[in-house]
C-alpha atoms as a PDB file:
ATOM      1  CA  MET A   1     135.417 227.745 147.011  1.00  0.00           C
ATOM      2  CA  GLY A   2     132.057 225.626 146.545  1.00  0.00           C
ATOM      3  CA  LEU A   3     132.092 221.763 146.770  1.00  0.00           C
ATOM      4  CA  LEU A   4     131.857 221.185 143.113  1.00  0.00           C
ATOM      5  CA  ASP A   5     135.051 223.152 142.867  1.00  0.00           C
ATOM      6  CA  SER A   6     136.761 221.619 145.517  1.00  0.00           C
ATOM      7  CA  LEU A   7     135.933 218.233 143.886  1.00  0.00           C
ATOM      8  CA  ILE A   8     137.291 219.465 140.559  1.00  0.00           C
ATOM      9  CA  GLY A   9     140.208 221.061 142.035  1.00  0.00           C
ATOM     10  CA  SER A  10     141.227 217.836 143.575  1.00  0.00           C
ATOM     11  CA  VAL A  11     140.454 215.730 140.589  1.00  0.00           C
ATOM     12  CA  LEU A  12     142.468 217.881 138.442  1.00  0.00           C
ATOM     13  CA  GLY A  13     145.397 218.429 140.955  1.00  0.00           C
ATOM     14  CA  GLY A  14     144.326 221.175 142.827  1.00  0.00           C
ATOM     15  CA  GLY A  15     144.431 225.019 141.969  1.00  0.00           C
ATOM     16  CA  GLN A  16     141.734 224.604 139.238  1.00  0.00           C
ATOM     17  CA  SER A  17     138.072 225.264 139.386  1.00  0.00           C
ATOM     18  CA  ALA A  18     135.101 224.684 137.691  1.00  0.00           C
ATOM     19  CA  SER A  19     135.377 227.559 135.579  1.00  0.00           C
ATOM     20  CA  GLY A  20     139.218 227.416 135.084  1.00  0.00           C
ATOM     21  CA  GLY A  21     139.754 223.568 134.650  1.00  0.00           C
ATOM     22  CA  GLY A  22     138.535 223.788 130.476  1.00  0.00           C
ATOM     23  CA  GLY A  23     137.695 220.647 129.147  1.00  0.00           C
ATOM     24  CA  ASN A  24     138.268 218.477 132.088  1.00  0.00           C
ATOM     25  CA  ALA A  25     136.209 220.429 134.096  1.00  0.00           C
ATOM     26  CA  ALA A  26     133.081 220.107 132.056  1.00  0.00           C
ATOM     27  CA  LEU A  27     133.917 216.505 131.632  1.00  0.00           C
ATOM     28  CA  ILE A  28     134.045 216.129 135.368  1.00  0.00           C
ATOM     29  CA  ASN A  29     130.866 217.904 135.698  1.00  0.00           C
ATOM     30  CA  ILE A  30     129.245 215.554 132.895  1.00  0.00           C
ATOM     31  CA  VAL A  31     130.753 212.634 135.194  1.00  0.00           C
ATOM     32  CA  LEU A  32     129.254 213.751 138.415  1.00  0.00           C
ATOM     33  CA  SER A  33     125.921 214.479 136.641  1.00  0.00           C
ATOM     34  CA  MET A  34     126.038 210.792 135.394  1.00  0.00           C
ATOM     35  CA  LEU A  35     127.303 209.360 138.670  1.00  0.00           C
ATOM     36  CA  ALA A  36     124.360 211.121 140.510  1.00  0.00           C
ATOM     37  CA  ASN A  37     121.283 210.768 138.805  1.00  0.00           C
ATOM     38  CA  GLY A  38     122.129 209.959 135.187  1.00  0.00           C
ATOM     39  CA  SER A  39     119.140 208.653 133.572  1.00  0.00           C
ATOM     40  CA  GLN A  40     121.301 206.384 131.182  1.00  0.00           C
ATOM     41  CA  THR A  41     123.324 204.979 133.905  1.00  0.00           C
ATOM     42  CA  GLY A  42     121.077 204.902 137.008  1.00  0.00           C
ATOM     43  CA  GLY A  43     123.701 206.964 138.820  1.00  0.00           C
ATOM     44  CA  LEU A  44     126.720 205.452 140.824  1.00  0.00           C
ATOM     45  CA  GLY A  45     125.004 202.319 141.686  1.00  0.00           C
ATOM     46  CA  GLY A  46     123.298 201.578 138.122  1.00  0.00           C
ATOM     47  CA  LEU A  47     127.340 202.334 136.509  1.00  0.00           C
ATOM     48  CA  MET A  48     128.362 199.809 138.799  1.00  0.00           C
ATOM     49  CA  GLU A  49     125.941 197.131 137.636  1.00  0.00           C
ATOM     50  CA  LYS A  50     126.852 198.126 134.103  1.00  0.00           C
ATOM     51  CA  PHE A  51     130.747 197.592 134.867  1.00  0.00           C
ATOM     52  CA  GLN A  52     129.560 194.188 136.703  1.00  0.00           C
ATOM     53  CA  GLN A  53     127.560 193.062 133.529  1.00  0.00           C
ATOM     54  CA  GLY A  54     130.494 194.085 131.414  1.00  0.00           C
ATOM     55  CA  GLY A  55     132.847 191.714 133.255  1.00  0.00           C
ATOM     56  CA  LEU A  56     134.599 194.725 134.966  1.00  0.00           C
ATOM     57  CA  GLY A  57     133.222 194.814 138.345  1.00  0.00           C
ATOM     58  CA  ASP A  58     136.596 194.530 139.616  1.00  0.00           C
ATOM     59  CA  VAL A  59     138.100 197.535 137.967  1.00  0.00           C
ATOM     60  CA  MET A  60     135.487 199.805 139.084  1.00  0.00           C
ATOM     61  CA  GLY A  61     135.792 197.849 142.620  1.00  0.00           C
ATOM     62  CA  SER A  62     139.328 199.122 142.809  1.00  0.00           C
ATOM     63  CA  TRP A  63     138.319 202.698 142.452  1.00  0.00           C
ATOM     64  CA  ILE A  64     135.775 202.465 145.308  1.00  0.00           C
ATOM     65  CA  SER A  65     138.106 200.640 147.566  1.00  0.00           C
ATOM     66  CA  THR A  66     140.890 202.555 149.486  1.00  0.00           C
ATOM     67  CA  GLY A  67     143.652 200.584 147.595  1.00  0.00           C
ATOM     68  CA  GLN A  68     145.350 201.391 144.149  1.00  0.00           C
ATOM     69  CA  ASN A  69     143.024 202.331 141.301  1.00  0.00           C
ATOM     70  CA  LEU A  70     143.205 199.838 138.205  1.00  0.00           C
ATOM     71  CA  PRO A  71     143.395 201.464 134.878  1.00  0.00           C
ATOM     72  CA  ILE A  72     140.629 201.104 132.590  1.00  0.00           C
ATOM     73  CA  ASP A  73     141.294 200.687 128.499  1.00  0.00           C
ATOM     74  CA  PRO A  74     139.099 203.447 126.741  1.00  0.00           C
ATOM     75  CA  GLY A  75     137.651 200.834 124.503  1.00  0.00           C
ATOM     76  CA  GLN A  76     136.480 198.725 127.422  1.00  0.00           C
ATOM     77  CA  LEU A  77     134.741 201.636 128.806  1.00  0.00           C
ATOM     78  CA  GLY A  78     133.175 202.499 125.594  1.00  0.00           C
ATOM     79  CA  GLN A  79     131.804 199.083 125.755  1.00  0.00           C
ATOM     80  CA  VAL A  80     130.456 199.508 129.105  1.00  0.00           C
ATOM     81  CA  LEU A  81     128.925 202.747 128.496  1.00  0.00           C
ATOM     82  CA  GLY A  82     127.507 201.785 125.459  1.00  0.00           C
ATOM     83  CA  PRO A  83     127.419 203.928 121.970  1.00  0.00           C
ATOM     84  CA  ASP A  84     124.529 206.013 122.672  1.00  0.00           C
ATOM     85  CA  LEU A  85     125.807 207.486 125.900  1.00  0.00           C
ATOM     86  CA  LEU A  86     129.259 207.739 124.529  1.00  0.00           C
ATOM     87  CA  SER A  87     128.058 209.511 121.762  1.00  0.00           C
ATOM     88  CA  GLN A  88     126.031 211.752 123.861  1.00  0.00           C
ATOM     89  CA  ILE A  89     129.021 212.533 126.125  1.00  0.00           C
ATOM     90  CA  ALA A  90     131.229 213.246 123.032  1.00  0.00           C
ATOM     91  CA  GLY A  91     128.700 215.779 121.610  1.00  0.00           C
ATOM     92  CA  GLN A  92     128.676 217.615 124.776  1.00  0.00           C
ATOM     93  CA  LEU A  93     132.356 217.998 124.805  1.00  0.00           C
ATOM     94  CA  GLY A  94     132.714 218.386 121.208  1.00  0.00           C
ATOM     95  CA  VAL A  95     135.063 215.385 120.618  1.00  0.00           C
ATOM     96  CA  SER A  96     135.265 212.306 119.004  1.00  0.00           C
ATOM     97  CA  GLN A  97     133.739 208.916 120.871  1.00  0.00           C
ATOM     98  CA  GLY A  98     137.274 207.929 120.993  1.00  0.00           C
ATOM     99  CA  ASP A  99     138.298 211.172 122.645  1.00  0.00           C
ATOM    100  CA  ALA A 100     135.477 211.262 124.741  1.00  0.00           C
ATOM    101  CA  ALA A 101     136.021 207.545 125.853  1.00  0.00           C
ATOM    102  CA  SER A 102     140.037 208.239 126.492  1.00  0.00           C
ATOM    103  CA  GLN A 103     139.174 211.344 128.330  1.00  0.00           C
ATOM    104  CA  LEU A 104     136.625 209.422 130.570  1.00  0.00           C
ATOM    105  CA  SER A 105     139.075 206.623 130.965  1.00  0.00           C
ATOM    106  CA  GLU A 106     141.643 209.296 132.839  1.00  0.00           C
ATOM    107  CA  VAL A 107     138.688 211.065 134.732  1.00  0.00           C
ATOM    108  CA  LEU A 108     136.114 208.622 135.882  1.00  0.00           C
ATOM    109  CA  PRO A 109     138.441 206.400 138.169  1.00  0.00           C
ATOM    110  CA  GLN A 110     139.323 209.367 139.837  1.00  0.00           C
ATOM    111  CA  VAL A 111     135.940 210.743 140.281  1.00  0.00           C
ATOM    112  CA  VAL A 112     134.511 207.360 141.680  1.00  0.00           C
ATOM    113  CA  ASP A 113     137.665 206.999 143.812  1.00  0.00           C
ATOM    114  CA  ARG A 114     137.101 210.805 145.443  1.00  0.00           C
ATOM    115  CA  LEU A 115     133.434 210.061 145.516  1.00  0.00           C
ATOM    116  CA  THR A 116     134.124 207.164 147.684  1.00  0.00           C
ATOM    117  CA  PRO A 117     136.716 207.851 150.209  1.00  0.00           C
ATOM    118  CA  ASP A 118     135.616 205.206 152.808  1.00  0.00           C
ATOM    119  CA  GLY A 119     136.236 202.381 150.149  1.00  0.00           C
ATOM    120  CA  ARG A 120     132.529 201.970 149.711  1.00  0.00           C
ATOM    121  CA  VAL A 121     129.433 203.642 147.954  1.00  0.00           C
ATOM    122  CA  PRO A 122     127.665 206.115 149.901  1.00  0.00           C
ATOM    123  CA  ASP A 123     124.159 204.868 151.218  1.00  0.00           C
ATOM    124  CA  SER A 124     122.573 206.907 148.479  1.00  0.00           C
ATOM    125  CA  GLY A 125     124.275 204.976 145.473  1.00  0.00           C
ATOM    126  CA  ARG A 126     121.597 206.309 143.435  1.00  0.00           C
ATOM    127  CA  GLY A 127     121.156 209.485 145.218  1.00  0.00           C
ATOM    128  CA  ASP A 128     120.971 213.131 144.119  1.00  0.00           C
ATOM    129  CA  ILE A 129     124.030 215.269 143.601  1.00  0.00           C
ATOM    130  CA  GLY A 130     123.740 216.910 146.907  1.00  0.00           C
ATOM    131  CA  ALA A 131     123.842 213.873 148.700  1.00  0.00           C
ATOM    132  CA  ILE A 132     126.922 212.458 147.229  1.00  0.00           C
ATOM    133  CA  LEU A 133     128.609 215.909 147.118  1.00  0.00           C
ATOM    134  CA  GLY A 134     127.544 216.421 150.795  1.00  0.00           C
ATOM    135  CA  ARG A 135     130.754 213.970 151.673  1.00  0.00           C
ATOM    136  CA  PHE A 136     132.908 216.579 150.917  1.00  0.00           C
ATOM    137  CA  ARG A 137     131.856 218.994 153.836  1.00  0.00           C
END
């Protein structure tokens, strides 16, 4: 099982891989790309800045920390990401923007949490996917 399969399996609750996770696996692939080097988000570091600017830095901070993850409302997430990025993600998933925001509000906290197991952003917060996924070796 590869690193990506391992991450997807851990977020989906184990037993599922990138090829067997259906829509959630596709969403996780989109989120990983967005966090690693997304041109519209600026990677994990850029997404953190968007959350700070949107007044939700504490929410994302909870996903990074080792404590309990705070939930995010799909509407709040849509405001942080903006309509262009949300529309792009919805298009990739073949769902409405509302459905995309709802799905992201469930998956994004888990992915960020798994990518920051030490309670801090990796030194390569804006780094490439290999550097971030290297944390799972």
